[in-house]
Amino acid sequence: MKPQLDFSENLNAPLFTLLKEVVSALDLEAYIIGGFVRDHLLGRTQKKDIDIVALGSGIELAQAVQKKLQGASTVQIFKTYGTAMIHWNDMDIEFVGARKESYTADSRNPEVEPGSLEDDQNRRDFTINALAISLNSQNFGAFIDPFNGLEDLKNKILRTPLDPNITYSDDPLRMLRAIRFANQLDFKIEQESLEAISHNASRIKIITNERIVEELHKILSCEKPSIGFTLLEKTGLLAYILPELVALKGVEEIEGQRHKDNFYHTLEVVDNLCPHSDNLWLRWSALLHDIGKAPTKKFKPPIGWTFHNHEFVGSKMVYKIFKRLKMPLNEKMKYVQKMVMMSSRPIVIAEEHVTDSAIRRLVFDSGADIDDLITLCEADITTKNEDRFQRYHNNFKIVREKIEVVEEKDQLRNFQPPVSGEAIMKYFGLTPCRQIGVIKEAIKEAILEGEIPNDFEAAYERMKLEGKKLDLIPNEKTI
C-alpha cells in the first residue's frame, strides 16, 4: 500500500480547525504524532485515537480544548508524566508535553523532563510512529519526518529511531510492540532491530504480566497470529512468557519413529481457526490445546510416541498459566480449560462410526460451547494427506448434522435433570441421602444412551424403576 501524504480531508475537519485555534490562542507549538499519522499514510481509515504533543503543557492544552470541544468528556490528568486525555466521538485524544526520557535498569518507567519536538520524536519506539503533522498556524499541516519513516512505511520496515539496543533495553515492552506491529501490519523487523530484541529478551522480565498479556491478546487477534508467535520464539521472548509452548518445539526420532513438531502444529491450528472465529478465548484455547503433550510424551515400543492424558494435563496447566500471567481466573479461564480438556473428543468421534449416544454425551459435556469445540477440532486437522483431510472434514460435517438432530430432540446443551432431587425425596419419603444421587445419575445415563427421552414423564417413570432396584418404597401419599 503506497503511503498518501494528503492530509487535507482530515485537517479540514472541524476538530483540527479547533485544535489549531486553541494552539494559537495559547501561543504553543503542537503536533499530531504517532499512530494517527501512520495509519492515515497506510490508508487504514477506521477511526483512530489521536496523540498530540505540545511544546509546553499538554495538560493545559487538553483543558483548553475540552472547554471548546462540544461533547468532550472531562479531562483525565496523569500528572506524573504530564499527560491528559479527553474522550470525544468514540475516540481518545491524548495530550502530552514534549519530553526527554531517561531510564533505570530495573524499570520501564522513565524519569522525564521537558524537551523539544526532536527530543520527543527521539524517544518514540519506531520511525513510523515518529511521524508528525503541525497544528501551528504558520505551517499548519506540515509533515515532519526526521528518521525517514515514510520510506520505512513504503518498504514495510520496522526500525527504531535510535540505537535499538538502547530503545529496547530502556523499555522492553517495545520488543513485544515490534512483533505485534510486524504481525498486524505485515511489516518486517529490520535485521539490527531483530538482533537487538534477541539480545535484550531477558529484559522482558521487568514488564508487568498485564502489559505482556495485552500485547499477546493483540497478536492473537491478528489474521495470522503464527507470524507473531514465530517471532516471539525466534527472538527468545516466548521462553520467558510461555515456556510451555516452547517445550513443544522439536521432533524426536527413536527406532525410525518420529512425532510431529507440536509447536508449529499449534501455530497452524491457531491460524486455521482465525478465519472461522474472532473469539479471543477460543484462540487462546487453540494456542494451549496441546501444551500437555510435552510433559506426557513417552516412547513405547512397538506403539511409538504416546501422549496419554495430555488433554487432562493440559487443562490443569491452563490454570497455572493464567495465574502466572495474571489473566482472569473466572469463566474465561474455565472455558479455555474445558476446550483444552475436550479438544480430542470430537476428533475421536469423527474417526469412528458416530453413534447417537456418543453425540449426546459430547453435547452434554460441552454444553453451550459445542459449536466452538467443533470449530476448534476442525482447525486441528493439519494433515497434509488430502484424502485424510477430506475424510475428517466430511466426518465432522456428519457430526454437526447429528448434533442438530439430537439437540432438537433432546435439548442437552443446557441440561437440567427432568426430575429434581426434591421430587425423588417426596416420592420415596426420603431425606437427603446417597440414593437420590444414584437415581439422578441413572436417569441422566438413560437419557444419554437414548433409552428414554429428555422429558419429565419418561424420567419420572425411570425414577420409579431405579428406586425399585434400590429397594426403596414409595411414600403412600405419592402412590
Protein backbone atom coordinates (compact mmCIF):
# COMPACT_ATOMS: atom_id res chain seq x y z
CA MET A 1 0.00 0.00 0.00
CA LYS A 2 1.52 3.31 -1.09
CA PRO A 3 1.56 5.97 1.68
CA GLN A 4 -0.62 9.01 0.98
CA LEU A 5 0.73 12.41 2.06
CA ASP A 6 -2.50 14.35 1.51
CA PHE A 7 -3.95 15.19 4.95
CA SER A 8 -6.29 17.93 3.68
CA GLU A 9 -9.51 15.97 4.21
CA ASN A 10 -8.66 15.26 7.85
CA LEU A 11 -7.17 18.67 8.61
CA ASN A 12 -10.18 20.50 7.21
CA ALA A 13 -12.38 18.69 9.72
CA PRO A 14 -13.81 20.91 12.50
CA LEU A 15 -11.75 19.06 15.17
CA PHE A 16 -8.41 20.04 13.62
CA THR A 17 -9.52 23.58 12.90
CA LEU A 18 -10.46 23.88 16.57
CA LEU A 19 -7.10 22.41 17.64
CA LYS A 20 -5.24 24.94 15.51
CA GLU A 21 -7.23 27.82 17.01
CA VAL A 22 -6.64 26.66 20.62
CA VAL A 23 -2.91 26.10 19.98
CA SER A 24 -2.62 29.59 18.53
CA ALA A 25 -4.57 31.17 21.41
CA LEU A 26 -2.25 29.55 23.96
CA ASP A 27 0.83 30.56 21.94
CA LEU A 28 2.10 26.94 21.94
CA GLU A 29 3.59 24.67 19.35
CA ALA A 30 1.71 21.38 18.93
CA TYR A 31 1.75 18.41 16.58
CA ILE A 32 -0.29 15.31 15.82
CA ILE A 33 2.14 12.41 16.19
CA GLY A 34 2.29 8.63 16.06
CA GLY A 35 -0.41 6.12 15.18
CA PHE A 36 -2.97 8.50 13.66
CA VAL A 37 -0.42 9.81 11.16
CA ARG A 38 0.94 6.33 10.43
CA ASP A 39 -2.49 4.81 9.83
CA HIS A 40 -3.59 7.68 7.59
CA LEU A 41 -0.49 7.15 5.46
CA LEU A 42 -1.22 3.42 5.30
CA GLY A 43 -4.83 4.04 4.30
CA ARG A 44 -6.17 2.46 7.48
CA THR A 45 -9.23 4.68 7.50
CA GLN A 46 -11.08 3.39 10.56
CA LYS A 47 -11.47 5.98 13.31
CA LYS A 48 -8.32 6.07 15.42
CA ASP A 49 -7.20 7.65 18.65
CA ILE A 50 -5.12 10.80 18.33
CA ASP A 51 -1.88 11.68 20.14
CA ILE A 52 -0.93 15.34 20.33
CA VAL A 53 2.46 16.54 21.57
CA ALA A 54 2.82 20.14 22.78
CA LEU A 55 5.95 22.19 23.35
CA GLY A 56 4.72 23.27 26.73
CA SER A 57 1.94 21.93 28.92
CA GLY A 58 -0.05 19.09 27.41
CA ILE A 59 -2.43 19.28 30.37
CA GLU A 60 -3.11 22.97 29.80
CA LEU A 61 -3.77 22.30 26.10
CA ALA A 62 -6.15 19.44 26.93
CA GLN A 63 -8.12 21.62 29.34
CA ALA A 64 -8.42 24.42 26.79
CA VAL A 65 -9.53 22.03 24.03
CA GLN A 66 -12.09 20.36 26.32
CA LYS A 67 -13.76 23.72 27.00
CA LYS A 68 -14.18 24.38 23.27
CA LEU A 69 -14.94 20.85 22.01
CA GLN A 70 -18.66 20.15 22.25
CA GLY A 71 -19.42 16.69 23.62
CA ALA A 72 -15.92 16.11 25.02
CA SER A 73 -15.57 14.26 28.32
CA THR A 74 -13.96 15.71 31.39
CA VAL A 75 -10.17 15.78 31.24
CA GLN A 76 -8.29 12.83 32.73
CA ILE A 77 -4.95 14.06 34.05
CA PHE A 78 -1.82 11.98 34.66
CA LYS A 79 0.47 14.44 36.42
CA THR A 80 3.47 12.11 36.75
CA TYR A 81 4.08 12.18 33.01
CA GLY A 82 2.41 15.49 32.23
CA THR A 83 -0.26 13.85 30.08
CA ALA A 84 -4.01 14.32 29.80
CA MET A 85 -6.81 12.67 27.83
CA ILE A 86 -10.30 13.53 26.69
CA HIS A 87 -12.84 11.20 25.13
CA TRP A 88 -14.79 12.52 22.15
CA ASN A 89 -16.87 10.85 19.43
CA ASP A 90 -15.68 7.32 20.27
CA MET A 91 -12.03 8.30 20.21
CA ASP A 92 -9.45 9.19 22.84
CA ILE A 93 -7.42 12.35 22.28
CA GLU A 94 -4.25 12.29 24.37
CA PHE A 95 -2.12 15.36 25.03
CA VAL A 96 1.46 15.26 26.24
CA GLY A 97 4.17 17.82 26.72
CA ALA A 98 7.25 17.18 24.56
CA ARG A 99 9.80 15.48 26.77
CA LYS A 100 13.14 13.80 27.20
CA GLU A 101 13.32 10.46 28.99
CA SER A 102 15.96 8.62 30.99
CA TYR A 103 15.64 5.10 32.35
CA THR A 104 17.00 2.96 35.16
CA ALA A 105 17.96 -0.67 34.64
CA ASP A 106 15.11 -2.13 36.72
CA SER A 107 12.11 -0.16 35.41
CA ARG A 108 10.46 0.86 32.15
CA ASN A 109 9.03 3.94 33.89
CA PRO A 110 11.29 6.82 32.84
CA GLU A 111 12.42 9.98 34.53
CA VAL A 112 11.05 12.78 32.33
CA GLU A 113 11.88 16.43 31.72
CA PRO A 114 10.58 18.98 29.21
CA GLY A 115 12.11 18.71 25.74
CA SER A 116 11.82 19.75 22.12
CA LEU A 117 9.85 18.10 19.33
CA GLU A 118 13.11 16.42 18.27
CA ASP A 119 13.60 15.05 21.81
CA ASP A 120 10.06 13.67 21.75
CA GLN A 121 10.49 12.03 18.37
CA ASN A 122 13.80 10.50 19.51
CA ARG A 123 12.03 8.67 22.34
CA ARG A 124 9.44 7.07 20.02
CA ASP A 125 9.56 3.31 19.54
CA PHE A 126 9.68 3.17 15.71
CA THR A 127 10.38 5.55 12.87
CA ILE A 128 6.86 5.01 11.54
CA ASN A 129 5.49 6.20 14.91
CA ALA A 130 7.68 9.32 14.99
CA LEU A 131 5.88 10.95 12.05
CA ALA A 132 4.20 14.26 12.93
CA ILE A 133 1.85 16.87 11.44
CA SER A 134 1.93 20.50 12.51
CA LEU A 135 -1.11 22.10 14.19
CA ASN A 136 0.55 25.53 14.16
CA SER A 137 -0.86 28.44 12.16
CA GLN A 138 2.42 29.29 10.45
CA ASN A 139 2.87 25.80 8.92
CA PHE A 140 -0.45 24.05 9.56
CA GLY A 141 -0.43 20.56 8.04
CA ALA A 142 3.34 20.41 7.54
CA PHE A 143 4.70 16.84 7.61
CA ILE A 144 7.71 16.25 9.90
CA ASP A 145 9.70 13.06 9.30
CA PRO A 146 13.18 13.22 10.93
CA PHE A 147 14.01 9.49 10.63
CA ASN A 148 12.82 8.76 7.10
CA GLY A 149 9.81 6.93 8.49
CA LEU A 150 7.87 7.48 5.28
CA GLU A 151 10.44 5.39 3.41
CA ASP A 152 10.13 2.68 6.06
CA LEU A 153 6.35 2.73 5.57
CA LYS A 154 6.80 2.28 1.83
CA ASN A 155 9.23 -0.60 2.37
CA LYS A 156 7.16 -2.10 5.23
CA ILE A 157 10.10 -1.96 7.63
CA LEU A 158 10.03 -1.59 11.43
CA ARG A 159 13.08 0.32 12.63
CA THR A 160 13.84 2.20 15.87
CA PRO A 161 14.75 5.91 15.62
CA LEU A 162 17.87 5.45 17.75
CA ASP A 163 20.13 2.50 18.65
CA PRO A 164 17.70 -0.45 19.01
CA ASN A 165 19.68 -1.89 21.93
CA ILE A 166 19.04 1.31 23.89
CA THR A 167 15.42 1.57 22.73
CA TYR A 168 14.57 -1.99 23.79
CA SER A 169 16.65 -2.04 26.95
CA ASP A 170 15.07 1.22 28.14
CA ASP A 171 11.52 -0.03 27.56
CA PRO A 172 11.37 -3.78 26.86
CA LEU A 173 7.65 -3.60 26.10
CA ARG A 174 8.73 -2.12 22.77
CA MET A 175 10.04 -5.57 21.79
CA LEU A 176 6.54 -7.00 22.04
CA ARG A 177 5.14 -3.96 20.24
CA ALA A 178 7.61 -4.51 17.40
CA ILE A 179 6.46 -8.08 16.98
CA ARG A 180 2.81 -7.11 17.30
CA PHE A 181 3.15 -4.36 14.66
CA ALA A 182 5.02 -6.75 12.37
CA ASN A 183 2.09 -9.15 12.69
CA GLN A 184 -0.71 -6.57 12.42
CA LEU A 185 0.77 -4.54 9.56
CA ASP A 186 2.60 -7.36 7.75
CA PHE A 187 5.89 -5.48 8.20
CA LYS A 188 9.42 -6.85 8.55
CA ILE A 189 11.53 -6.01 11.60
CA GLU A 190 14.84 -4.59 10.38
CA GLN A 191 17.71 -7.03 11.00
CA GLU A 192 19.67 -4.96 13.51
CA SER A 193 16.48 -4.35 15.44
CA LEU A 194 15.59 -8.06 15.36
CA GLU A 195 19.03 -8.95 16.72
CA ALA A 196 18.62 -6.33 19.45
CA ILE A 197 15.35 -7.94 20.55
CA SER A 198 17.12 -11.30 20.91
CA HIS A 199 19.99 -9.62 22.78
CA ASN A 200 17.59 -7.90 25.20
CA ALA A 201 14.99 -10.68 25.53
CA SER A 202 15.68 -11.23 29.24
CA ARG A 203 14.73 -7.59 29.91
CA ILE A 204 11.08 -8.57 29.35
CA LYS A 205 11.13 -9.78 32.96
CA ILE A 206 10.72 -6.20 34.22
CA ILE A 207 7.44 -5.77 32.31
CA THR A 208 4.22 -6.46 34.19
CA ASN A 209 2.30 -9.55 33.15
CA GLU A 210 -0.77 -7.42 32.48
CA ARG A 211 1.07 -5.41 29.79
CA ILE A 212 2.54 -8.58 28.28
CA VAL A 213 -0.89 -10.21 28.07
CA GLU A 214 -2.33 -7.09 26.46
CA GLU A 215 0.19 -7.49 23.62
CA LEU A 216 -0.45 -11.24 23.38
CA HIS A 217 -4.16 -10.53 23.03
CA LYS A 218 -3.41 -8.17 20.13
CA ILE A 219 -1.18 -10.74 18.43
CA LEU A 220 -3.84 -13.43 18.86
CA SER A 221 -6.39 -11.04 17.34
CA CYS A 222 -4.41 -10.78 14.09
CA GLU A 223 -5.49 -12.59 10.95
CA LYS A 224 -2.43 -14.88 11.15
CA PRO A 225 -1.08 -14.99 14.73
CA SER A 226 1.61 -17.54 13.79
CA ILE A 227 3.71 -14.67 12.41
CA GLY A 228 3.88 -13.05 15.83
CA PHE A 229 4.40 -16.24 17.81
CA THR A 230 7.13 -17.43 15.43
CA LEU A 231 8.95 -14.13 16.03
CA LEU A 232 8.41 -14.44 19.79
CA GLU A 233 10.04 -17.88 19.70
CA LYS A 234 12.82 -16.87 17.30
CA THR A 235 13.88 -13.91 19.46
CA GLY A 236 13.77 -15.86 22.73
CA LEU A 237 10.92 -13.83 24.21
CA LEU A 238 8.46 -16.74 24.24
CA ALA A 239 10.70 -18.74 26.56
CA TYR A 240 10.18 -16.05 29.21
CA ILE A 241 6.46 -15.63 28.58
CA LEU A 242 5.07 -19.06 27.64
CA PRO A 243 7.80 -21.69 28.15
CA GLU A 244 5.06 -24.34 27.94
CA LEU A 245 4.72 -23.57 24.24
CA VAL A 246 8.47 -23.59 23.60
CA ALA A 247 8.62 -27.05 25.22
CA LEU A 248 6.51 -28.36 22.31
CA LYS A 249 9.17 -27.40 19.77
CA GLY A 250 11.27 -30.01 18.04
CA VAL A 251 11.00 -33.51 16.64
CA GLU A 252 12.48 -36.67 18.16
CA GLU A 253 13.14 -39.92 16.35
CA ILE A 254 13.59 -43.32 18.01
CA GLU A 255 13.72 -46.61 16.14
CA GLY A 256 12.72 -44.80 12.97
CA GLN A 257 9.54 -43.37 14.51
CA ARG A 258 9.07 -39.61 14.67
CA HIS A 259 6.40 -37.36 16.11
CA LYS A 260 5.34 -34.05 14.57
CA ASP A 261 6.65 -30.70 15.82
CA ASN A 262 3.79 -29.79 18.12
CA PHE A 263 4.87 -26.14 18.38
CA TYR A 264 4.42 -25.44 14.68
CA HIS A 265 1.36 -27.67 14.60
CA THR A 266 -0.14 -25.49 17.33
CA LEU A 267 0.51 -22.30 15.37
CA GLU A 268 -1.08 -23.88 12.30
CA VAL A 269 -4.17 -24.75 14.35
CA VAL A 270 -4.44 -21.14 15.58
CA ASP A 271 -4.16 -19.83 12.01
CA ASN A 272 -6.74 -22.36 10.80
CA LEU A 273 -9.17 -21.23 13.48
CA CYS A 274 -8.91 -17.48 12.89
CA PRO A 275 -11.00 -17.22 9.69
CA HIS A 276 -13.85 -19.01 11.49
CA SER A 277 -13.88 -17.27 14.87
CA ASP A 278 -12.76 -13.97 16.39
CA ASN A 279 -13.49 -15.29 19.89
CA LEU A 280 -10.26 -14.37 21.73
CA TRP A 281 -10.67 -17.14 24.31
CA LEU A 282 -11.24 -19.78 21.64
CA ARG A 283 -8.00 -18.58 20.04
CA TRP A 284 -6.29 -18.97 23.43
CA SER A 285 -7.76 -22.49 23.56
CA ALA A 286 -6.19 -23.27 20.18
CA LEU A 287 -2.85 -21.87 21.36
CA LEU A 288 -2.88 -24.01 24.51
CA HIS A 289 -4.73 -27.11 23.29
CA ASP A 290 -1.59 -29.28 23.08
CA ILE A 291 0.52 -27.90 25.96
CA GLY A 292 0.03 -31.15 27.86
CA LYS A 293 1.95 -33.07 25.18
CA ALA A 294 5.43 -32.06 26.35
CA PRO A 295 5.08 -33.43 29.92
CA THR A 296 3.21 -36.57 28.78
CA LYS A 297 5.41 -37.53 25.81
CA LYS A 298 6.73 -41.10 26.01
CA PHE A 299 8.16 -43.62 23.56
CA LYS A 300 6.61 -47.07 23.99
CA PRO A 301 7.76 -49.82 21.62
CA PRO A 302 6.22 -51.09 19.46
CA ILE A 303 3.45 -48.46 19.65
CA GLY A 304 5.75 -45.47 19.21
CA TRP A 305 5.24 -41.99 20.61
CA THR A 306 2.34 -41.51 23.02
CA PHE A 307 0.84 -38.51 24.78
CA HIS A 308 -1.62 -40.22 27.11
CA ASN A 309 -3.93 -37.89 29.07
CA HIS A 310 -2.32 -34.80 27.54
CA GLU A 311 -5.74 -33.10 27.43
CA PHE A 312 -6.25 -33.58 31.16
CA VAL A 313 -2.69 -32.47 31.99
CA GLY A 314 -3.03 -29.51 29.62
CA SER A 315 -6.28 -28.33 31.23
CA LYS A 316 -4.51 -28.28 34.60
CA MET A 317 -1.64 -26.30 33.07
CA VAL A 318 -4.11 -23.67 31.79
CA TYR A 319 -4.87 -22.64 35.37
CA LYS A 320 -1.16 -22.29 36.19
CA ILE A 321 -0.53 -20.20 33.06
CA PHE A 322 -3.48 -17.90 33.68
CA LYS A 323 -2.47 -17.43 37.31
CA ARG A 324 1.18 -16.73 36.45
CA LEU A 325 0.28 -14.21 33.75
CA LYS A 326 -2.39 -12.61 35.96
CA MET A 327 -5.10 -13.44 33.45
CA PRO A 328 -8.72 -13.77 34.64
CA LEU A 329 -9.31 -16.84 36.83
CA ASN A 330 -13.01 -16.79 36.05
CA GLU A 331 -15.39 -18.22 33.46
CA LYS A 332 -12.96 -17.28 30.67
CA MET A 333 -10.26 -19.46 32.20
CA LYS A 334 -12.74 -22.28 32.81
CA TYR A 335 -13.87 -22.04 29.18
CA VAL A 336 -10.27 -22.45 27.95
CA GLN A 337 -9.76 -25.35 30.37
CA LYS A 338 -12.88 -27.05 29.01
CA MET A 339 -11.81 -26.57 25.39
CA VAL A 340 -8.35 -28.00 26.12
CA MET A 341 -9.78 -30.91 28.13
CA MET A 342 -12.25 -31.82 25.36
CA SER A 343 -10.08 -30.94 22.37
CA SER A 344 -9.73 -34.57 21.21
CA ARG A 345 -13.28 -35.76 21.91
CA PRO A 346 -14.91 -34.76 18.60
CA ILE A 347 -11.85 -35.99 16.69
CA VAL A 348 -12.29 -39.46 18.14
CA ILE A 349 -15.97 -39.40 17.21
CA ALA A 350 -15.16 -38.23 13.69
CA GLU A 351 -12.71 -41.11 13.24
CA GLU A 352 -15.18 -43.83 14.22
CA HIS A 353 -18.78 -44.72 13.50
CA VAL A 354 -20.78 -41.88 15.01
CA THR A 355 -23.45 -43.17 17.39
CA ASP A 356 -26.28 -41.04 18.74
CA SER A 357 -25.13 -41.93 22.25
CA ALA A 358 -21.65 -40.54 21.59
CA ILE A 359 -23.18 -37.35 20.16
CA ARG A 360 -25.48 -36.95 23.19
CA ARG A 361 -22.54 -37.29 25.58
CA LEU A 362 -20.48 -34.81 23.60
CA VAL A 363 -23.29 -32.24 23.63
CA PHE A 364 -23.99 -32.88 27.32
CA ASP A 365 -20.34 -32.45 28.35
CA SER A 366 -19.64 -29.40 26.19
CA GLY A 367 -23.00 -27.71 26.77
CA ALA A 368 -23.39 -24.30 25.13
CA ASP A 369 -19.79 -24.46 23.86
CA ILE A 370 -20.34 -27.38 21.49
CA ASP A 371 -20.10 -25.25 18.32
CA ASP A 372 -16.83 -23.67 19.48
CA LEU A 373 -15.43 -27.11 20.31
CA ILE A 374 -16.22 -28.48 16.86
CA THR A 375 -14.70 -25.36 15.26
CA LEU A 376 -11.52 -25.90 17.29
CA CYS A 377 -11.34 -29.56 16.33
CA GLU A 378 -11.82 -28.81 12.64
CA ALA A 379 -8.93 -26.33 12.89
CA ASP A 380 -6.87 -29.13 14.47
CA ILE A 381 -6.90 -31.07 11.21
CA THR A 382 -3.46 -30.23 9.83
CA THR A 383 -2.71 -33.42 7.91
CA LYS A 384 -1.12 -32.84 4.51
CA ASN A 385 -2.70 -36.04 3.19
CA GLU A 386 -5.55 -34.73 1.04
CA ASP A 387 -7.67 -37.88 1.36
CA ARG A 388 -7.41 -37.94 5.17
CA PHE A 389 -8.07 -34.18 5.30
CA GLN A 390 -11.28 -34.53 3.29
CA ARG A 391 -12.38 -37.60 5.23
CA TYR A 392 -12.01 -35.81 8.56
CA HIS A 393 -13.92 -32.76 7.34
CA ASN A 394 -16.67 -34.90 5.84
CA ASN A 395 -16.98 -36.77 9.13
CA PHE A 396 -17.16 -33.51 11.06
CA LYS A 397 -19.94 -32.41 8.73
CA ILE A 398 -21.82 -35.57 9.70
CA VAL A 399 -21.11 -34.88 13.39
CA ARG A 400 -22.52 -31.34 13.06
CA GLU A 401 -25.66 -32.65 11.35
CA LYS A 402 -26.18 -35.29 14.04
CA ILE A 403 -25.68 -32.69 16.76
CA GLU A 404 -28.50 -30.63 15.25
CA VAL A 405 -30.84 -33.63 15.17
CA VAL A 406 -30.00 -34.80 18.70
CA GLU A 407 -30.17 -31.28 20.11
CA GLU A 408 -33.55 -30.60 18.54
CA LYS A 409 -34.91 -33.80 20.08
CA ASP A 410 -33.15 -33.95 23.45
CA GLN A 411 -32.18 -30.33 24.33
CA LEU A 412 -28.93 -31.30 26.07
CA ARG A 413 -26.84 -28.12 25.69
CA ASN A 414 -28.03 -26.70 28.99
CA PHE A 415 -29.13 -29.95 30.57
CA GLN A 416 -31.19 -29.81 33.75
CA PRO A 417 -32.41 -33.11 35.30
CA PRO A 418 -36.09 -33.57 34.33
CA VAL A 419 -36.77 -34.92 37.82
CA SER A 420 -35.39 -32.93 40.73
CA GLY A 421 -33.92 -34.27 43.93
CA GLU A 422 -36.90 -32.81 45.78
CA ALA A 423 -39.31 -34.82 43.62
CA ILE A 424 -37.36 -38.02 44.30
CA MET A 425 -37.36 -37.36 48.07
CA LYS A 426 -41.08 -36.62 48.02
CA TYR A 427 -41.97 -39.78 46.07
CA PHE A 428 -39.93 -42.12 48.24
CA GLY A 429 -40.31 -40.20 51.51
CA LEU A 430 -36.55 -39.67 51.79
CA THR A 431 -34.31 -37.12 53.41
CA PRO A 432 -31.08 -36.13 51.60
CA CYS A 433 -29.07 -39.31 51.00
CA ARG A 434 -26.81 -41.14 48.55
CA GLN A 435 -29.68 -42.94 46.79
CA ILE A 436 -31.01 -39.66 45.39
CA GLY A 437 -27.76 -39.07 43.52
CA VAL A 438 -27.74 -42.66 42.27
CA ILE A 439 -31.26 -42.25 40.83
CA LYS A 440 -30.46 -38.89 39.19
CA GLU A 441 -27.32 -40.34 37.62
CA ALA A 442 -29.25 -43.36 36.31
CA ILE A 443 -31.87 -41.06 34.74
CA LYS A 444 -29.14 -38.97 33.12
CA GLU A 445 -27.41 -42.07 31.72
CA ALA A 446 -30.72 -43.40 30.35
CA ILE A 447 -31.28 -40.10 28.51
CA LEU A 448 -27.73 -40.03 27.14
CA GLU A 449 -27.98 -43.63 25.98
CA GLY A 450 -31.26 -42.85 24.22
CA GLU A 451 -33.23 -45.27 26.38
CA ILE A 452 -35.71 -42.55 27.37
CA PRO A 453 -36.47 -39.07 26.01
CA ASN A 454 -35.35 -36.00 27.91
CA ASP A 455 -38.75 -35.16 29.41
CA PHE A 456 -40.41 -35.27 32.83
CA GLU A 457 -42.86 -38.12 32.30
CA ALA A 458 -40.30 -40.59 30.97
CA ALA A 459 -37.76 -39.58 33.61
CA TYR A 460 -40.39 -39.93 36.38
CA GLU A 461 -41.19 -43.47 35.32
CA ARG A 462 -37.47 -44.27 35.19
CA MET A 463 -37.14 -42.83 38.69
CA LYS A 464 -39.70 -45.39 39.95
CA LEU A 465 -37.81 -48.22 38.26
CA GLU A 466 -34.45 -47.15 39.67
CA GLY A 467 -35.95 -46.75 43.14
CA LYS A 468 -37.29 -50.29 42.96
CA LYS A 469 -33.77 -51.54 42.13
CA LEU A 470 -32.56 -49.84 45.31
CA ASP A 471 -35.38 -51.44 47.37
CA LEU A 472 -36.92 -48.04 48.03
CA ILE A 473 -40.59 -47.97 48.94
CA PRO A 474 -42.80 -45.17 47.63
CA ASN A 475 -44.37 -42.79 50.11
CA GLU A 476 -48.05 -43.81 50.46
CA LYS A 477 -49.17 -40.25 49.74
CA THR A 478 -47.49 -40.32 46.32
CA ILE A 479 -48.91 -43.63 45.06
